[in-house]
Amino acid sequence: MLLDLLALMAAFAAGSCRSVVGSIYVSALFALVFAYVAIHVRLERSKEPADESHLKERRKFLLLLATFATPLTYGAGLAPPGGFWSETGAGHRAGAPLLHDGPYKIRYHAFFYANANSFVASLAIIMLLTSSTLSGRLARSYALPVCVLVELLGLMAAYAAGSCRWITTTVYIACLVGAVFLYILLQAVIAGYVSGIHKDAE
């Protein structure tokens, strides 16, 4: 599994970007996440496992989310929106992404880095959930929620940057995403408030 993750990451870093800076960024990001997971595993070995029986269903959902996001972001990285130039012309080379060498270069970079962050976060989620050492200890760890948040935000930012060319449409998508997050936050606050009331009643 380790060789599979490393090969997948190397293939993404080599094939998804045309610049050395992009390849270095993706490689450094994955190395940072991999080192964090390795340190996390080593530190958690000395602790008693927590009772995580109530989190089994959530772990299944998160693993499903990660396995859905990984091929999606990998495919989007290798086949970016807009397609590729079919022949070499003024200011571009054949095989280069249309958005990268066109007037939407900033939009392409926003898509690429958001998509890369989401891809690396999805791999980190898979590593965390399938680690036998971390099993039963993720209930008290912030690593998993942070990775899920980065993955979801990366997916939404990549979609907003790569799915359209008009600024008004991008703003609409960003506002829609903000409204959804506000609704989720409101639901979490209400759930916490109701739970506190029940505890006080008991």
N, C-alpha and C. Protein backbone atom coordinates (compact mmCIF):
# COMPACT_ATOMS: atom_id res chain seq x y z
N MET A 1 0.83 -1.20 0.00
CA MET A 1 0.00 0.00 0.00
C MET A 1 0.87 1.26 0.00
N LEU A 2 1.97 1.21 0.74
CA LEU A 2 2.88 2.34 0.77
C LEU A 2 3.47 2.61 -0.61
N LEU A 3 3.90 1.55 -1.29
CA LEU A 3 4.44 1.70 -2.65
C LEU A 3 3.37 2.23 -3.60
N ASP A 4 2.13 1.77 -3.42
CA ASP A 4 1.03 2.23 -4.26
C ASP A 4 0.79 3.72 -4.08
N LEU A 5 0.77 4.20 -2.82
CA LEU A 5 0.56 5.62 -2.56
C LEU A 5 1.70 6.47 -3.11
N LEU A 6 2.94 6.00 -2.91
CA LEU A 6 4.09 6.76 -3.41
C LEU A 6 4.10 6.82 -4.93
N ALA A 7 3.78 5.69 -5.58
CA ALA A 7 3.74 5.68 -7.04
C ALA A 7 2.62 6.57 -7.58
N LEU A 8 1.47 6.54 -6.91
CA LEU A 8 0.34 7.37 -7.33
C LEU A 8 0.69 8.85 -7.20
N MET A 9 1.34 9.20 -6.10
CA MET A 9 1.73 10.58 -5.88
C MET A 9 2.79 11.03 -6.87
N ALA A 10 3.75 10.17 -7.15
CA ALA A 10 4.80 10.51 -8.12
C ALA A 10 4.22 10.69 -9.51
N ALA A 11 3.28 9.82 -9.88
CA ALA A 11 2.64 9.94 -11.20
C ALA A 11 1.84 11.24 -11.29
N PHE A 12 1.18 11.62 -10.21
CA PHE A 12 0.41 12.87 -10.21
C PHE A 12 1.33 14.07 -10.32
N ALA A 13 2.42 14.06 -9.55
CA ALA A 13 3.36 15.19 -9.58
C ALA A 13 4.02 15.33 -10.95
N ALA A 14 4.31 14.19 -11.60
CA ALA A 14 5.00 14.24 -12.89
C ALA A 14 4.07 14.56 -14.04
N GLY A 15 2.81 14.11 -13.96
CA GLY A 15 1.92 14.24 -15.11
C GLY A 15 0.90 15.35 -15.04
N SER A 16 0.66 15.93 -13.86
CA SER A 16 -0.41 16.91 -13.74
C SER A 16 0.04 18.34 -13.98
N CYS A 17 1.34 18.60 -13.91
CA CYS A 17 1.81 19.98 -14.06
C CYS A 17 2.93 20.05 -15.09
N ARG A 18 3.01 21.20 -15.73
CA ARG A 18 4.02 21.40 -16.78
C ARG A 18 5.21 22.21 -16.29
N SER A 19 5.14 22.70 -15.05
CA SER A 19 6.22 23.53 -14.53
C SER A 19 6.95 22.80 -13.41
N VAL A 20 8.22 23.13 -13.23
CA VAL A 20 9.02 22.54 -12.16
C VAL A 20 8.49 22.98 -10.80
N VAL A 21 8.03 24.23 -10.71
CA VAL A 21 7.52 24.75 -9.45
C VAL A 21 6.30 23.96 -8.98
N GLY A 22 5.41 23.63 -9.92
CA GLY A 22 4.22 22.84 -9.57
C GLY A 22 4.59 21.46 -9.09
N SER A 23 5.54 20.81 -9.77
CA SER A 23 5.97 19.47 -9.36
C SER A 23 6.62 19.50 -7.98
N ILE A 24 7.44 20.52 -7.73
CA ILE A 24 8.08 20.65 -6.42
C ILE A 24 7.05 20.89 -5.33
N TYR A 25 6.04 21.72 -5.63
CA TYR A 25 4.99 22.01 -4.63
C TYR A 25 4.24 20.74 -4.25
N VAL A 26 3.80 19.99 -5.26
CA VAL A 26 3.04 18.77 -4.99
C VAL A 26 3.89 17.75 -4.23
N SER A 27 5.13 17.58 -4.65
CA SER A 27 6.03 16.63 -3.98
C SER A 27 6.29 17.04 -2.53
N ALA A 28 6.55 18.34 -2.31
CA ALA A 28 6.81 18.82 -0.94
C ALA A 28 5.57 18.70 -0.07
N LEU A 29 4.40 18.96 -0.65
CA LEU A 29 3.16 18.85 0.12
C LEU A 29 2.92 17.41 0.54
N PHE A 30 3.12 16.47 -0.38
CA PHE A 30 2.92 15.07 -0.03
C PHE A 30 3.96 14.61 0.99
N ALA A 31 5.22 15.04 0.82
CA ALA A 31 6.26 14.66 1.79
C ALA A 31 5.93 15.19 3.18
N LEU A 32 5.40 16.41 3.25
CA LEU A 32 5.02 16.99 4.53
C LEU A 32 3.89 16.20 5.19
N VAL A 33 2.86 15.87 4.39
CA VAL A 33 1.73 15.10 4.92
C VAL A 33 2.17 13.70 5.33
N PHE A 34 3.00 13.08 4.51
CA PHE A 34 3.48 11.73 4.82
C PHE A 34 4.30 11.73 6.11
N ALA A 35 5.16 12.74 6.27
CA ALA A 35 5.96 12.84 7.49
C ALA A 35 5.08 13.06 8.70
N TYR A 36 4.03 13.88 8.54
CA TYR A 36 3.12 14.12 9.66
C TYR A 36 2.41 12.84 10.08
N VAL A 37 1.92 12.08 9.10
CA VAL A 37 1.23 10.82 9.42
C VAL A 37 2.19 9.85 10.10
N ALA A 38 3.44 9.78 9.61
CA ALA A 38 4.43 8.88 10.22
C ALA A 38 4.72 9.27 11.67
N ILE A 39 4.89 10.57 11.92
CA ILE A 39 5.13 11.04 13.29
C ILE A 39 3.91 10.80 14.16
N HIS A 40 2.73 11.02 13.60
CA HIS A 40 1.47 10.80 14.31
C HIS A 40 1.35 9.34 14.74
N VAL A 41 1.68 8.43 13.83
CA VAL A 41 1.62 7.00 14.14
C VAL A 41 2.61 6.66 15.26
N ARG A 42 3.81 7.20 15.18
CA ARG A 42 4.83 6.89 16.19
C ARG A 42 4.42 7.40 17.57
N LEU A 43 3.88 8.60 17.62
CA LEU A 43 3.47 9.16 18.91
C LEU A 43 2.27 8.44 19.51
N GLU A 44 1.36 8.00 18.65
CA GLU A 44 0.14 7.35 19.14
C GLU A 44 0.39 5.93 19.62
N ARG A 45 1.52 5.34 19.25
CA ARG A 45 1.81 3.97 19.68
C ARG A 45 1.95 3.86 21.19
N SER A 46 2.38 4.95 21.84
CA SER A 46 2.61 4.92 23.28
C SER A 46 1.35 5.24 24.09
N LYS A 47 0.24 5.53 23.39
CA LYS A 47 -0.98 5.90 24.10
C LYS A 47 -1.98 4.75 24.10
N GLU A 48 -2.87 4.80 25.08
CA GLU A 48 -3.93 3.80 25.13
C GLU A 48 -4.97 4.10 24.07
N PRO A 49 -5.45 3.09 23.36
CA PRO A 49 -6.47 3.34 22.35
C PRO A 49 -7.78 3.80 22.96
N ALA A 50 -8.41 4.76 22.32
CA ALA A 50 -9.69 5.25 22.80
C ALA A 50 -10.83 4.42 22.24
N ASP A 51 -11.96 4.48 22.90
CA ASP A 51 -13.13 3.74 22.43
C ASP A 51 -13.71 4.47 21.22
N GLU A 52 -13.64 3.82 20.08
CA GLU A 52 -14.08 4.44 18.83
C GLU A 52 -15.22 3.67 18.18
N SER A 53 -15.94 2.88 18.96
CA SER A 53 -17.01 2.06 18.40
C SER A 53 -18.12 2.92 17.80
N HIS A 54 -18.35 4.10 18.42
CA HIS A 54 -19.42 4.97 17.92
C HIS A 54 -19.00 5.72 16.65
N LEU A 55 -17.74 5.60 16.23
CA LEU A 55 -17.26 6.31 15.06
C LEU A 55 -17.11 5.41 13.83
N LYS A 56 -17.52 4.15 13.95
CA LYS A 56 -17.33 3.21 12.85
C LYS A 56 -18.08 3.66 11.60
N GLU A 57 -19.32 4.10 11.76
CA GLU A 57 -20.11 4.53 10.60
C GLU A 57 -19.50 5.77 9.96
N ARG A 58 -19.01 6.69 10.79
CA ARG A 58 -18.39 7.90 10.25
C ARG A 58 -17.11 7.57 9.51
N ARG A 59 -16.35 6.60 10.01
CA ARG A 59 -15.11 6.20 9.34
C ARG A 59 -15.41 5.60 7.97
N LYS A 60 -16.48 4.80 7.88
CA LYS A 60 -16.86 4.23 6.59
C LYS A 60 -17.22 5.33 5.60
N PHE A 61 -17.95 6.33 6.08
CA PHE A 61 -18.34 7.43 5.21
C PHE A 61 -17.13 8.22 4.74
N LEU A 62 -16.20 8.50 5.67
CA LEU A 62 -15.01 9.27 5.31
C LEU A 62 -14.11 8.50 4.34
N LEU A 63 -14.01 7.20 4.54
CA LEU A 63 -13.21 6.38 3.62
C LEU A 63 -13.85 6.37 2.23
N LEU A 64 -15.19 6.31 2.19
CA LEU A 64 -15.89 6.37 0.92
C LEU A 64 -15.66 7.72 0.24
N LEU A 65 -15.71 8.80 1.03
CA LEU A 65 -15.46 10.14 0.50
C LEU A 65 -14.05 10.25 -0.08
N ALA A 66 -13.07 9.72 0.65
CA ALA A 66 -11.68 9.79 0.19
C ALA A 66 -11.47 8.98 -1.07
N THR A 67 -12.04 7.78 -1.12
CA THR A 67 -11.86 6.93 -2.31
C THR A 67 -12.61 7.50 -3.51
N PHE A 68 -13.62 8.33 -3.26
CA PHE A 68 -14.30 9.02 -4.35
C PHE A 68 -13.48 10.21 -4.84
N ALA A 69 -12.90 10.96 -3.89
CA ALA A 69 -12.17 12.18 -4.25
C ALA A 69 -10.82 11.88 -4.90
N THR A 70 -10.16 10.79 -4.50
CA THR A 70 -8.82 10.50 -5.02
C THR A 70 -8.81 10.32 -6.54
N PRO A 71 -9.62 9.41 -7.12
CA PRO A 71 -9.58 9.30 -8.59
C PRO A 71 -10.14 10.52 -9.30
N LEU A 72 -11.07 11.22 -8.64
CA LEU A 72 -11.65 12.42 -9.25
C LEU A 72 -10.59 13.51 -9.40
N THR A 73 -9.85 13.79 -8.32
CA THR A 73 -8.82 14.82 -8.38
C THR A 73 -7.62 14.38 -9.22
N TYR A 74 -7.31 13.08 -9.19
CA TYR A 74 -6.20 12.57 -10.01
C TYR A 74 -6.53 12.75 -11.50
N GLY A 75 -7.75 12.37 -11.88
CA GLY A 75 -8.16 12.51 -13.28
C GLY A 75 -8.22 13.97 -13.71
N ALA A 76 -8.71 14.84 -12.81
CA ALA A 76 -8.79 16.26 -13.14
C ALA A 76 -7.40 16.87 -13.28
N GLY A 77 -6.44 16.37 -12.49
CA GLY A 77 -5.08 16.89 -12.60
C GLY A 77 -4.41 16.52 -13.91
N LEU A 78 -4.69 15.31 -14.40
CA LEU A 78 -4.08 14.86 -15.65
C LEU A 78 -4.83 15.36 -16.88
N ALA A 79 -6.11 15.67 -16.72
CA ALA A 79 -6.91 16.21 -17.83
C ALA A 79 -7.61 17.47 -17.35
N PRO A 80 -6.89 18.60 -17.25
CA PRO A 80 -7.46 19.84 -16.70
C PRO A 80 -8.58 20.38 -17.59
N PRO A 81 -9.45 21.22 -17.03
CA PRO A 81 -10.56 21.78 -17.81
C PRO A 81 -10.06 22.63 -18.96
N GLY A 82 -10.79 22.59 -20.04
CA GLY A 82 -10.42 23.36 -21.22
C GLY A 82 -9.67 22.57 -22.25
N GLY A 83 -9.07 21.44 -21.86
CA GLY A 83 -8.34 20.61 -22.80
C GLY A 83 -6.92 21.11 -23.04
N PHE A 84 -6.35 20.66 -24.16
CA PHE A 84 -4.95 20.97 -24.47
C PHE A 84 -4.84 21.58 -25.87
N TRP A 85 -3.74 22.30 -26.09
CA TRP A 85 -3.46 22.82 -27.43
C TRP A 85 -3.09 21.66 -28.34
N SER A 86 -3.67 21.63 -29.51
CA SER A 86 -3.41 20.53 -30.45
C SER A 86 -2.13 20.75 -31.26
N GLU A 87 -1.69 21.99 -31.37
CA GLU A 87 -0.47 22.26 -32.12
C GLU A 87 0.25 23.48 -31.53
N THR A 88 1.53 23.57 -31.80
CA THR A 88 2.33 24.68 -31.28
C THR A 88 2.02 25.95 -32.06
N GLY A 89 1.83 27.03 -31.31
CA GLY A 89 1.52 28.31 -31.94
C GLY A 89 2.17 29.45 -31.19
N ALA A 90 1.64 30.65 -31.39
CA ALA A 90 2.21 31.84 -30.74
C ALA A 90 1.95 31.79 -29.23
N GLY A 91 3.03 31.64 -28.48
CA GLY A 91 2.92 31.70 -27.04
C GLY A 91 2.50 30.41 -26.36
N HIS A 92 2.37 29.33 -27.11
CA HIS A 92 1.99 28.06 -26.47
C HIS A 92 2.61 26.89 -27.21
N ARG A 93 2.64 25.74 -26.53
CA ARG A 93 3.18 24.52 -27.11
C ARG A 93 2.09 23.47 -27.21
N ALA A 94 2.24 22.56 -28.17
CA ALA A 94 1.29 21.48 -28.31
C ALA A 94 1.31 20.60 -27.05
N GLY A 95 0.12 20.24 -26.57
CA GLY A 95 0.02 19.41 -25.38
C GLY A 95 -0.09 20.19 -24.09
N ALA A 96 0.13 21.51 -24.13
CA ALA A 96 -0.01 22.34 -22.93
C ALA A 96 -1.48 22.64 -22.68
N PRO A 97 -1.90 22.77 -21.43
CA PRO A 97 -3.31 23.08 -21.13
C PRO A 97 -3.71 24.43 -21.73
N LEU A 98 -4.92 24.49 -22.25
CA LEU A 98 -5.41 25.72 -22.86
C LEU A 98 -5.45 26.86 -21.86
N LEU A 99 -5.92 26.59 -20.66
CA LEU A 99 -6.04 27.64 -19.65
C LEU A 99 -4.68 28.15 -19.20
N HIS A 100 -3.68 27.28 -19.19
CA HIS A 100 -2.36 27.68 -18.69
C HIS A 100 -1.70 28.70 -19.59
N ASP A 101 -1.84 28.55 -20.89
CA ASP A 101 -1.16 29.45 -21.82
C ASP A 101 -2.09 30.50 -22.41
N GLY A 102 -3.33 30.54 -21.96
CA GLY A 102 -4.28 31.52 -22.46
C GLY A 102 -4.44 32.69 -21.50
N PRO A 103 -5.51 33.45 -21.68
CA PRO A 103 -5.76 34.61 -20.81
C PRO A 103 -6.26 34.23 -19.41
N TYR A 104 -6.46 32.93 -19.17
CA TYR A 104 -6.99 32.48 -17.88
C TYR A 104 -5.93 31.77 -17.05
N LYS A 105 -4.69 32.24 -17.13
CA LYS A 105 -3.59 31.56 -16.45
C LYS A 105 -3.77 31.55 -14.92
N ILE A 106 -4.25 32.66 -14.37
CA ILE A 106 -4.47 32.73 -12.91
C ILE A 106 -5.54 31.73 -12.50
N ARG A 107 -6.57 31.62 -13.31
CA ARG A 107 -7.65 30.67 -13.02
C ARG A 107 -7.12 29.23 -13.08
N TYR A 108 -6.23 28.96 -14.03
CA TYR A 108 -5.65 27.61 -14.13
C TYR A 108 -4.82 27.29 -12.89
N HIS A 109 -4.00 28.24 -12.44
CA HIS A 109 -3.18 28.00 -11.26
C HIS A 109 -4.05 27.79 -10.01
N ALA A 110 -5.14 28.56 -9.91
CA ALA A 110 -6.06 28.37 -8.78
C ALA A 110 -6.65 26.97 -8.81
N PHE A 111 -7.04 26.50 -10.02
CA PHE A 111 -7.58 25.15 -10.15
C PHE A 111 -6.53 24.10 -9.80
N PHE A 112 -5.31 24.27 -10.33
CA PHE A 112 -4.28 23.27 -10.12
C PHE A 112 -3.93 23.09 -8.65
N TYR A 113 -3.67 24.20 -7.95
CA TYR A 113 -3.25 24.09 -6.54
C TYR A 113 -4.39 23.63 -5.64
N ALA A 114 -5.61 24.07 -5.91
CA ALA A 114 -6.75 23.60 -5.12
C ALA A 114 -6.97 22.10 -5.34
N ASN A 115 -6.86 21.67 -6.58
CA ASN A 115 -7.03 20.25 -6.91
C ASN A 115 -5.92 19.41 -6.29
N ALA A 116 -4.68 19.91 -6.34
CA ALA A 116 -3.55 19.18 -5.74
C ALA A 116 -3.71 19.05 -4.24
N ASN A 117 -4.15 20.12 -3.57
CA ASN A 117 -4.39 20.05 -2.12
C ASN A 117 -5.45 19.02 -1.78
N SER A 118 -6.52 18.99 -2.57
CA SER A 118 -7.58 18.02 -2.32
C SER A 118 -7.10 16.59 -2.56
N PHE A 119 -6.28 16.40 -3.58
CA PHE A 119 -5.75 15.06 -3.87
C PHE A 119 -4.86 14.56 -2.74
N VAL A 120 -3.95 15.40 -2.27
CA VAL A 120 -3.05 15.00 -1.18
C VAL A 120 -3.85 14.76 0.10
N ALA A 121 -4.85 15.59 0.37
CA ALA A 121 -5.67 15.41 1.57
C ALA A 121 -6.44 14.09 1.51
N SER A 122 -6.93 13.72 0.33
CA SER A 122 -7.65 12.45 0.21
C SER A 122 -6.72 11.26 0.46
N LEU A 123 -5.47 11.35 0.00
CA LEU A 123 -4.50 10.29 0.29
C LEU A 123 -4.18 10.23 1.78
N ALA A 124 -4.09 11.40 2.42
CA ALA A 124 -3.83 11.43 3.85
C ALA A 124 -4.98 10.79 4.64
N ILE A 125 -6.22 11.03 4.21
CA ILE A 125 -7.38 10.42 4.87
C ILE A 125 -7.32 8.91 4.76
N ILE A 126 -6.98 8.42 3.57
CA ILE A 126 -6.87 6.97 3.38
C ILE A 126 -5.79 6.39 4.28
N MET A 127 -4.64 7.07 4.36
CA MET A 127 -3.56 6.58 5.22
C MET A 127 -3.98 6.57 6.69
N LEU A 128 -4.68 7.60 7.13
CA LEU A 128 -5.11 7.67 8.53
C LEU A 128 -6.14 6.61 8.87
N LEU A 129 -7.09 6.40 7.96
CA LEU A 129 -8.18 5.47 8.25
C LEU A 129 -7.76 4.01 8.13
N THR A 130 -6.76 3.73 7.31
CA THR A 130 -6.36 2.33 7.12
C THR A 130 -5.16 1.94 7.98
N SER A 131 -4.65 2.87 8.79
CA SER A 131 -3.52 2.55 9.66
C SER A 131 -4.00 1.74 10.86
N SER A 132 -3.40 0.57 11.05
CA SER A 132 -3.77 -0.26 12.20
C SER A 132 -3.31 0.37 13.51
N THR A 133 -2.24 1.15 13.48
CA THR A 133 -1.74 1.80 14.69
C THR A 133 -2.69 2.90 15.16
N LEU A 134 -3.27 3.63 14.19
CA LEU A 134 -4.16 4.73 14.55
C LEU A 134 -5.58 4.29 14.80
N SER A 135 -5.90 3.03 14.54
CA SER A 135 -7.24 2.54 14.76
C SER A 135 -7.58 2.64 16.24
N GLY A 136 -8.71 3.26 16.55
CA GLY A 136 -9.11 3.45 17.93
C GLY A 136 -8.54 4.70 18.57
N ARG A 137 -7.75 5.50 17.82
CA ARG A 137 -7.15 6.71 18.38
C ARG A 137 -7.57 7.98 17.65
N LEU A 138 -8.27 7.84 16.54
CA LEU A 138 -8.62 9.00 15.74
C LEU A 138 -9.70 9.86 16.39
N ALA A 139 -10.37 9.32 17.41
CA ALA A 139 -11.42 10.09 18.07
C ALA A 139 -10.87 11.34 18.74
N ARG A 140 -9.61 11.31 19.18
CA ARG A 140 -9.04 12.46 19.87
C ARG A 140 -8.03 13.20 18.99
N SER A 141 -8.01 12.91 17.72
CA SER A 141 -7.06 13.53 16.80
C SER A 141 -7.76 14.56 15.93
N TYR A 142 -7.04 15.67 15.67
CA TYR A 142 -7.57 16.71 14.79
C TYR A 142 -7.13 16.51 13.34
N ALA A 143 -6.28 15.52 13.10
CA ALA A 143 -5.75 15.32 11.76
C ALA A 143 -6.84 14.99 10.75
N LEU A 144 -7.74 14.10 11.14
CA LEU A 144 -8.78 13.65 10.21
C LEU A 144 -9.76 14.78 9.83
N PRO A 145 -10.32 15.53 10.80
CA PRO A 145 -11.21 16.63 10.41
C PRO A 145 -10.52 17.69 9.54
N VAL A 146 -9.25 17.97 9.84
CA VAL A 146 -8.52 18.96 9.04
C VAL A 146 -8.35 18.48 7.61
N CYS A 147 -7.99 17.20 7.43
CA CYS A 147 -7.83 16.64 6.09
C CYS A 147 -9.15 16.64 5.32
N VAL A 148 -10.23 16.30 5.99
CA VAL A 148 -11.55 16.31 5.34
C VAL A 148 -11.91 17.73 4.91
N LEU A 149 -11.66 18.71 5.78
CA LEU A 149 -11.97 20.10 5.44
C LEU A 149 -11.13 20.57 4.25
N VAL A 150 -9.83 20.25 4.25
CA VAL A 150 -8.96 20.64 3.13
C VAL A 150 -9.42 19.97 1.83
N GLU A 151 -9.81 18.70 1.93
CA GLU A 151 -10.26 17.97 0.75
C GLU A 151 -11.51 18.61 0.16
N LEU A 152 -12.50 18.89 1.00
CA LEU A 152 -13.76 19.47 0.51
C LEU A 152 -13.56 20.89 -0.03
N LEU A 153 -12.81 21.71 0.70
CA LEU A 153 -12.55 23.07 0.23
C LEU A 153 -11.76 23.05 -1.08
N GLY A 154 -10.79 22.13 -1.18
CA GLY A 154 -10.02 22.02 -2.41
C GLY A 154 -10.88 21.61 -3.60
N LEU A 155 -11.78 20.65 -3.38
CA LEU A 155 -12.69 20.23 -4.45
C LEU A 155 -13.57 21.39 -4.92
N MET A 156 -14.12 22.13 -3.96
CA MET A 156 -15.02 23.22 -4.32
C MET A 156 -14.27 24.37 -4.99
N ALA A 157 -13.07 24.68 -4.49
CA ALA A 157 -12.29 25.75 -5.12
C ALA A 157 -11.85 25.36 -6.52
N ALA A 158 -11.45 24.10 -6.71
CA ALA A 158 -11.06 23.64 -8.04
C ALA A 158 -12.24 23.68 -9.00
N TYR A 159 -13.42 23.32 -8.51
CA TYR A 159 -14.61 23.37 -9.36
C TYR A 159 -14.95 24.81 -9.73
N ALA A 160 -14.89 25.71 -8.74
CA ALA A 160 -15.21 27.11 -9.00
C ALA A 160 -14.23 27.74 -9.99
N ALA A 161 -12.96 27.35 -9.90
CA ALA A 161 -11.94 27.94 -10.78
C ALA A 161 -11.93 27.32 -12.16
N GLY A 162 -12.24 26.01 -12.26
CA GLY A 162 -12.08 25.33 -13.53
C GLY A 162 -13.35 25.06 -14.31
N SER A 163 -14.52 25.24 -13.70
CA SER A 163 -15.75 24.86 -14.39
C SER A 163 -16.32 25.96 -15.26
N CYS A 164 -15.85 27.19 -15.09
CA CYS A 164 -16.43 28.30 -15.85
C CYS A 164 -15.35 29.34 -16.16
N ARG A 165 -15.66 30.24 -17.09
CA ARG A 165 -14.72 31.29 -17.48
C ARG A 165 -15.21 32.68 -17.05
N TRP A 166 -16.48 32.79 -16.67
CA TRP A 166 -17.05 34.08 -16.33
C TRP A 166 -16.91 34.35 -14.84
N ILE A 167 -16.52 35.56 -14.49
CA ILE A 167 -16.32 35.94 -13.09
C ILE A 167 -17.64 35.87 -12.33
N THR A 168 -18.74 36.27 -12.96
CA THR A 168 -20.04 36.25 -12.28
C THR A 168 -20.43 34.82 -11.89
N THR A 169 -20.15 33.86 -12.77
CA THR A 169 -20.47 32.46 -12.45
C THR A 169 -19.60 31.95 -11.32
N THR A 170 -18.31 32.32 -11.32
CA THR A 170 -17.40 31.92 -10.24
C THR A 170 -17.86 32.50 -8.91
N VAL A 171 -18.28 33.77 -8.91
CA VAL A 171 -18.77 34.41 -7.69
C VAL A 171 -20.03 33.71 -7.20
N TYR A 172 -20.91 33.34 -8.14
CA TYR A 172 -22.14 32.64 -7.76
C TYR A 172 -21.82 31.30 -7.09
N ILE A 173 -20.88 30.54 -7.67
CA ILE A 173 -20.49 29.25 -7.09
C ILE A 173 -19.89 29.44 -5.70
N ALA A 174 -19.01 30.46 -5.57
CA ALA A 174 -18.39 30.73 -4.27
C ALA A 174 -19.43 31.10 -3.22
N CYS A 175 -20.41 31.92 -3.60
CA CYS A 175 -21.48 32.29 -2.67
C CYS A 175 -22.33 31.09 -2.29
N LEU A 176 -22.58 30.23 -3.26
CA LEU A 176 -23.36 29.02 -2.98
C LEU A 176 -22.63 28.10 -2.02
N VAL A 177 -21.34 27.95 -2.22
CA VAL A 177 -20.52 27.13 -1.31
C VAL A 177 -20.52 27.75 0.09
N GLY A 178 -20.38 29.08 0.16
CA GLY A 178 -20.41 29.76 1.45
C GLY A 178 -21.73 29.57 2.17
N ALA A 179 -22.83 29.60 1.43
CA ALA A 179 -24.15 29.39 2.03
C ALA A 179 -24.29 27.98 2.58
N VAL A 180 -23.76 27.00 1.85
CA VAL A 180 -23.83 25.62 2.32
C VAL A 180 -23.01 25.44 3.60
N PHE A 181 -21.80 26.01 3.62
CA PHE A 181 -20.97 25.91 4.82
C PHE A 181 -21.61 26.63 6.01
N LEU A 182 -22.25 27.76 5.75
CA LEU A 182 -22.95 28.48 6.82
C LEU A 182 -24.09 27.64 7.38
N TYR A 183 -24.80 26.96 6.49
CA TYR A 183 -25.90 26.09 6.93
C TYR A 183 -25.36 24.92 7.78
N ILE A 184 -24.25 24.31 7.33
CA ILE A 184 -23.65 23.20 8.10
C ILE A 184 -23.19 23.69 9.47
N LEU A 185 -22.55 24.87 9.51
CA LEU A 185 -22.09 25.43 10.78
C LEU A 185 -23.27 25.71 11.71
N LEU A 186 -24.34 26.24 11.14
CA LEU A 186 -25.55 26.51 11.93
C LEU A 186 -26.14 25.23 12.49
N GLN A 187 -26.17 24.19 11.69
CA GLN A 187 -26.67 22.89 12.15
C GLN A 187 -25.80 22.34 13.28
N ALA A 188 -24.48 22.48 13.16
CA ALA A 188 -23.58 22.00 14.20
C ALA A 188 -23.77 22.76 15.51
N VAL A 189 -23.95 24.08 15.41
CA VAL A 189 -24.18 24.90 16.61
C VAL A 189 -25.49 24.52 17.28
N ILE A 190 -26.53 24.33 16.48
CA ILE A 190 -27.84 23.94 17.04
C ILE A 190 -27.76 22.57 17.69
N ALA A 191 -27.07 21.63 17.02
CA ALA A 191 -26.91 20.28 17.59
C ALA A 191 -26.16 20.33 18.91
N GLY A 192 -25.09 21.14 18.98
CA GLY A 192 -24.34 21.28 20.22
C GLY A 192 -25.16 21.91 21.33
N TYR A 193 -25.98 22.90 20.96
CA TYR A 193 -26.83 23.57 21.95
C TYR A 193 -27.89 22.62 22.50
N VAL A 194 -28.52 21.84 21.61
CA VAL A 194 -29.54 20.87 22.04
C VAL A 194 -28.91 19.79 22.91
N SER A 195 -27.71 19.33 22.52
CA SER A 195 -27.01 18.33 23.32
C SER A 195 -26.68 18.86 24.71
N GLY A 196 -26.29 20.14 24.80
CA GLY A 196 -26.00 20.74 26.10
C GLY A 196 -27.23 20.84 26.97
N ILE A 197 -28.37 21.15 26.35
CA ILE A 197 -29.63 21.21 27.10
C ILE A 197 -29.99 19.85 27.68
N HIS A 198 -29.84 18.80 26.87
CA HIS A 198 -30.14 17.44 27.34
C HIS A 198 -29.24 17.02 28.50
N LYS A 199 -27.95 17.40 28.40
CA LYS A 199 -27.01 17.05 29.49
C LYS A 199 -27.38 17.77 30.78
N ASP A 200 -27.78 19.05 30.66
CA ASP A 200 -28.18 19.80 31.83
C ASP A 200 -29.45 19.23 32.45
N ALA A 201 -30.36 18.75 31.60
CA ALA A 201 -31.60 18.16 32.09
C ALA A 201 -31.35 16.87 32.84
N GLU A 202 -30.35 16.13 32.39
CA GLU A 202 -30.03 14.86 33.08
C GLU A 202 -29.35 15.12 34.43
